[in-house]
Protein backbone atom coordinates (compact mmCIF):
# COMPACT_ATOMS: atom_id res chain seq x y z
CA MET A 1 9.12 -23.07 -4.51
CA ALA A 2 9.93 -20.42 -1.93
CA GLU A 3 9.03 -16.77 -2.34
CA VAL A 4 11.35 -13.99 -1.24
CA THR A 5 10.67 -10.32 -0.60
CA ASP A 6 12.60 -7.10 -0.31
CA ALA A 7 12.66 -7.69 3.45
CA ASP A 8 14.26 -11.15 3.36
CA PHE A 9 16.21 -11.05 0.07
CA THR A 10 19.56 -10.55 1.80
CA ALA A 11 19.03 -13.40 4.25
CA GLU A 12 17.54 -15.84 1.73
CA VAL A 13 19.62 -15.06 -1.36
CA ILE A 14 22.73 -13.00 -0.65
CA GLU A 15 23.68 -14.91 2.52
CA SER A 16 22.74 -18.37 1.20
CA ASP A 17 25.36 -21.10 1.39
CA LEU A 18 23.96 -22.61 -1.82
CA PRO A 19 23.80 -20.93 -5.20
CA VAL A 20 20.36 -19.35 -5.68
CA LEU A 21 18.25 -19.09 -8.82
CA VAL A 22 15.89 -16.13 -8.44
CA GLU A 23 12.94 -15.79 -10.79
CA PHE A 24 11.77 -12.19 -10.96
CA THR A 25 8.10 -12.72 -11.76
CA ALA A 26 4.65 -11.14 -11.78
CA ASP A 27 1.12 -12.51 -11.49
CA TRP A 28 0.14 -10.88 -14.79
CA CYS A 29 3.02 -12.49 -16.73
CA PRO A 30 1.96 -15.49 -18.91
CA PRO A 31 5.55 -16.67 -19.57
CA CYS A 32 6.14 -16.61 -15.80
CA ARG A 33 3.15 -18.88 -15.25
CA GLN A 34 4.50 -21.14 -18.02
CA MET A 35 7.79 -21.48 -16.14
CA ALA A 36 6.19 -22.31 -12.75
CA PRO A 37 6.06 -26.12 -13.22
CA VAL A 38 9.58 -26.19 -14.66
CA LEU A 39 10.99 -24.22 -11.73
CA GLY A 40 8.99 -26.23 -9.20
CA ALA A 41 10.43 -29.47 -10.54
CA LEU A 42 13.93 -27.98 -10.67
CA ALA A 43 13.62 -26.82 -7.05
CA ALA A 44 12.60 -30.32 -5.94
CA GLU A 45 15.31 -32.09 -7.96
CA THR A 46 18.22 -29.84 -6.97
CA SER A 47 17.36 -28.80 -3.40
CA ASP A 48 20.73 -30.06 -2.14
CA ARG A 49 22.72 -28.08 -4.74
CA LEU A 50 20.60 -25.09 -5.77
CA LYS A 51 18.02 -22.96 -4.02
CA VAL A 52 15.19 -21.79 -6.32
CA VAL A 53 13.06 -18.81 -5.29
CA GLN A 54 10.61 -16.32 -6.78
CA LEU A 55 10.37 -12.59 -6.21
CA ASP A 56 7.21 -10.72 -7.22
CA VAL A 57 8.42 -7.58 -8.98
CA ASP A 58 5.25 -5.59 -8.28
CA ALA A 59 5.33 -6.26 -4.53
CA ASN A 60 9.12 -5.88 -4.21
CA PRO A 61 10.29 -2.80 -6.13
CA ALA A 62 13.49 -2.20 -4.13
CA THR A 63 15.14 -5.49 -5.11
CA THR A 64 13.71 -5.33 -8.64
CA ASN A 65 15.20 -1.86 -9.15
CA ALA A 66 18.50 -2.73 -7.46
CA TYR A 67 19.13 -5.45 -10.05
CA LYS A 68 17.69 -3.41 -12.94
CA VAL A 69 15.06 -6.00 -13.84
CA LEU A 70 12.90 -4.73 -16.69
CA SER A 71 11.44 -7.88 -18.27
CA MET A 72 9.67 -10.88 -16.86
CA PRO A 73 10.59 -13.52 -16.30
CA THR A 74 14.16 -12.64 -15.49
CA PHE A 75 16.28 -15.34 -13.90
CA MET A 76 19.39 -14.46 -11.92
CA VAL A 77 21.84 -16.87 -10.40
CA PHE A 78 23.53 -15.68 -7.22
CA ARG A 79 26.63 -17.35 -5.89
CA GLY A 80 28.53 -16.08 -2.86
CA GLY A 81 26.15 -13.15 -2.62
CA GLU A 82 26.83 -11.90 -6.14
CA PRO A 83 24.80 -12.24 -9.34
CA VAL A 84 26.81 -14.44 -11.70
CA ARG A 85 24.32 -14.95 -14.53
CA ALA A 86 21.13 -13.38 -15.83
CA MET A 87 18.68 -14.84 -18.32
CA VAL A 88 15.54 -13.20 -19.67
CA GLY A 89 12.45 -14.94 -20.96
CA ALA A 90 10.77 -18.31 -20.71
CA ARG A 91 12.77 -21.28 -21.91
CA PRO A 92 12.37 -25.03 -22.17
CA ARG A 93 13.52 -27.11 -19.22
CA ARG A 94 16.39 -28.61 -21.21
CA ARG A 95 17.78 -25.18 -22.14
CA LEU A 96 17.46 -23.93 -18.57
CA LEU A 97 19.39 -26.95 -17.30
CA GLU A 98 22.10 -26.36 -19.92
CA GLU A 99 22.41 -22.74 -18.84
CA LEU A 100 22.67 -23.81 -15.21
CA SER A 101 25.09 -26.69 -15.80
CA ASP A 102 28.09 -24.92 -14.27
CA VAL A 103 26.03 -24.08 -11.17
CA LEU A 104 24.62 -27.56 -10.71
């Protein structure tokens, strides 16, 4: 799964032709680590329809603050450069897929 930063967020997420699922994450976050295999598999399975990326909140405060992210993991779906959905907290793969059904 790709990582994005404050420096390349616009190019990788806002200007993406595909919808983008951004996981706002942190190394110290156990639920974030729990979601890593789920998101990795999702990224591989949907690479033609959905881009999946991670943003480390500690290393990238500008983007984290711009989207008012306070809890990890926070997932945001961007479509056409705009956030269209936000979800907070770890969730089972099945639930995540249900929540992303209109994007996929």
